[in-house]
Every structure is written in structure tokens, then in C-alpha cells.
Amino acid sequence: MAQEGSITGTVQDKNFKNLEGVQVTIEGSEKVCITDSTGLFYFSNLEPATYSLNFYLKGYVSQK
């Protein structure tokens, strides 16, 4: 039976303020989540692998 994993994190600006409403995507997939009011995001049911995440919030420069 294959193991499933997850990715969780918090998105902050350069002043360490948690950012709400950031679109977080896993590169090369259709998986998307939006950060909550504390900047938290969570992906579950992931196959073991190395993933690249993309972050987008209007008014900010997109990051990987």
C-alpha cells in the first residue's frame, strides 16, 4: 500500500504578516488551495514526491 503525504505551510509577507487569500498551486497539477485568515494552506492525499509550489496574490509578485 502506497503512503500518502501532505504539504502544509503559512504564507507571510516580508514583514512576517500572515497573508489571507493567497492562491497556492502545485506546479504541473490542478491542485489549488487558498490561504485562510492566518495564512495557512494545506494539501492532502499526495503521492510521495518532490513538489514545486506557486504562490499568487493580487498586488504581490508571484513566487515559487
C-alpha atoms as a PDB file:
ATOM      1  CA  MET A   1       0.000   0.000   0.000  1.00  0.00           C
ATOM      2  CA  ALA A   2       1.433   3.381  -1.016  1.00  0.00           C
ATOM      3  CA  GLN A   3       1.828   6.057   1.592  1.00  0.00           C
ATOM      4  CA  GLU A   4       0.065   9.366   1.167  1.00  0.00           C
ATOM      5  CA  GLY A   5       1.540  12.647   2.243  1.00  0.00           C
ATOM      6  CA  SER A   6       0.586  16.233   2.773  1.00  0.00           C
ATOM      7  CA  ILE A   7       2.060  19.706   2.474  1.00  0.00           C
ATOM      8  CA  THR A   8       1.166  22.460   4.900  1.00  0.00           C
ATOM      9  CA  GLY A   9       2.563  25.904   5.493  1.00  0.00           C
ATOM     10  CA  THR A  10       1.957  29.547   6.228  1.00  0.00           C
ATOM     11  CA  VAL A  11       2.388  32.387   3.732  1.00  0.00           C
ATOM     12  CA  GLN A  12       3.768  35.661   5.070  1.00  0.00           C
ATOM     13  CA  ASP A  13       4.944  38.930   3.572  1.00  0.00           C
ATOM     14  CA  LYS A  14       8.451  40.332   4.073  1.00  0.00           C
ATOM     15  CA  ASN A  15       7.327  41.848   7.397  1.00  0.00           C
ATOM     16  CA  PHE A  16       6.134  38.423   8.645  1.00  0.00           C
ATOM     17  CA  LYS A  17       2.449  39.372   8.344  1.00  0.00           C
ATOM     18  CA  ASN A  18       0.291  36.321   7.554  1.00  0.00           C
ATOM     19  CA  LEU A  19      -1.406  36.680   4.161  1.00  0.00           C
ATOM     20  CA  GLU A  20      -5.016  35.644   3.616  1.00  0.00           C
ATOM     21  CA  GLY A  21      -6.373  34.755   0.169  1.00  0.00           C
ATOM     22  CA  VAL A  22      -3.102  33.630  -1.438  1.00  0.00           C
ATOM     23  CA  GLN A  23      -3.651  31.115  -4.236  1.00  0.00           C
ATOM     24  CA  VAL A  24      -1.247  28.212  -3.747  1.00  0.00           C
ATOM     25  CA  THR A  25      -0.852  25.680  -6.555  1.00  0.00           C
ATOM     26  CA  ILE A  26       1.224  22.555  -7.050  1.00  0.00           C
ATOM     27  CA  GLU A  27       3.147  23.049 -10.286  1.00  0.00           C
ATOM     28  CA  GLY A  28       2.100  20.639 -13.022  1.00  0.00           C
ATOM     29  CA  SER A  29      -1.164  19.666 -11.328  1.00  0.00           C
ATOM     30  CA  GLU A  30      -4.680  21.017 -10.936  1.00  0.00           C
ATOM     31  CA  LYS A  31      -4.415  21.119  -7.129  1.00  0.00           C
ATOM     32  CA  VAL A  32      -5.155  24.587  -5.750  1.00  0.00           C
ATOM     33  CA  CYS A  33      -5.885  25.945  -2.299  1.00  0.00           C
ATOM     34  CA  ILE A  34      -6.393  29.414  -0.836  1.00  0.00           C
ATOM     35  CA  THR A  35      -4.763  30.520   2.415  1.00  0.00           C
ATOM     36  CA  ASP A  36      -7.074  31.162   5.350  1.00  0.00           C
ATOM     37  CA  SER A  37      -7.155  34.200   7.649  1.00  0.00           C
ATOM     38  CA  THR A  38      -3.957  33.024   9.366  1.00  0.00           C
ATOM     39  CA  GLY A  39      -2.086  32.470   6.061  1.00  0.00           C
ATOM     40  CA  LEU A  40      -2.326  28.676   6.413  1.00  0.00           C
ATOM     41  CA  PHE A  41      -2.572  26.321   3.413  1.00  0.00           C
ATOM     42  CA  TYR A  42      -2.864  22.533   3.306  1.00  0.00           C
ATOM     43  CA  PHE A  43      -2.677  19.892   0.578  1.00  0.00           C
ATOM     44  CA  SER A  44      -3.514  16.267   1.418  1.00  0.00           C
ATOM     45  CA  ASN A  45      -3.616  12.888  -0.333  1.00  0.00           C
ATOM     46  CA  LEU A  46      -0.324  13.454  -2.155  1.00  0.00           C
ATOM     47  CA  GLU A  47       1.890  10.750  -3.545  1.00  0.00           C
ATOM     48  CA  PRO A  48       5.421  10.755  -2.093  1.00  0.00           C
ATOM     49  CA  ALA A  49       7.425  13.042  -4.396  1.00  0.00           C
ATOM     50  CA  THR A  50       9.169  16.394  -4.622  1.00  0.00           C
ATOM     51  CA  TYR A  51       6.750  19.218  -5.384  1.00  0.00           C
ATOM     52  CA  SER A  52       7.145  22.835  -6.507  1.00  0.00           C
ATOM     53  CA  LEU A  53       4.595  25.300  -5.188  1.00  0.00           C
ATOM     54  CA  ASN A  54       3.473  28.551  -6.790  1.00  0.00           C
ATOM     55  CA  PHE A  55       2.034  31.453  -4.800  1.00  0.00           C
ATOM     56  CA  TYR A  56      -0.158  34.245  -6.197  1.00  0.00           C
ATOM     57  CA  LEU A  57      -1.871  37.196  -4.541  1.00  0.00           C
ATOM     58  CA  LYS A  58      -3.024  40.251  -6.475  1.00  0.00           C
ATOM     59  CA  GLY A  59      -0.742  43.186  -5.733  1.00  0.00           C
ATOM     60  CA  TYR A  60       2.280  40.968  -4.981  1.00  0.00           C
ATOM     61  CA  VAL A  61       4.936  39.416  -7.232  1.00  0.00           C
ATOM     62  CA  SER A  62       4.220  35.706  -7.819  1.00  0.00           C
ATOM     63  CA  GLN A  63       6.684  33.353  -6.114  1.00  0.00           C
ATOM     64  CA  LYS A  64       7.756  29.733  -6.453  1.00  0.00           C
END
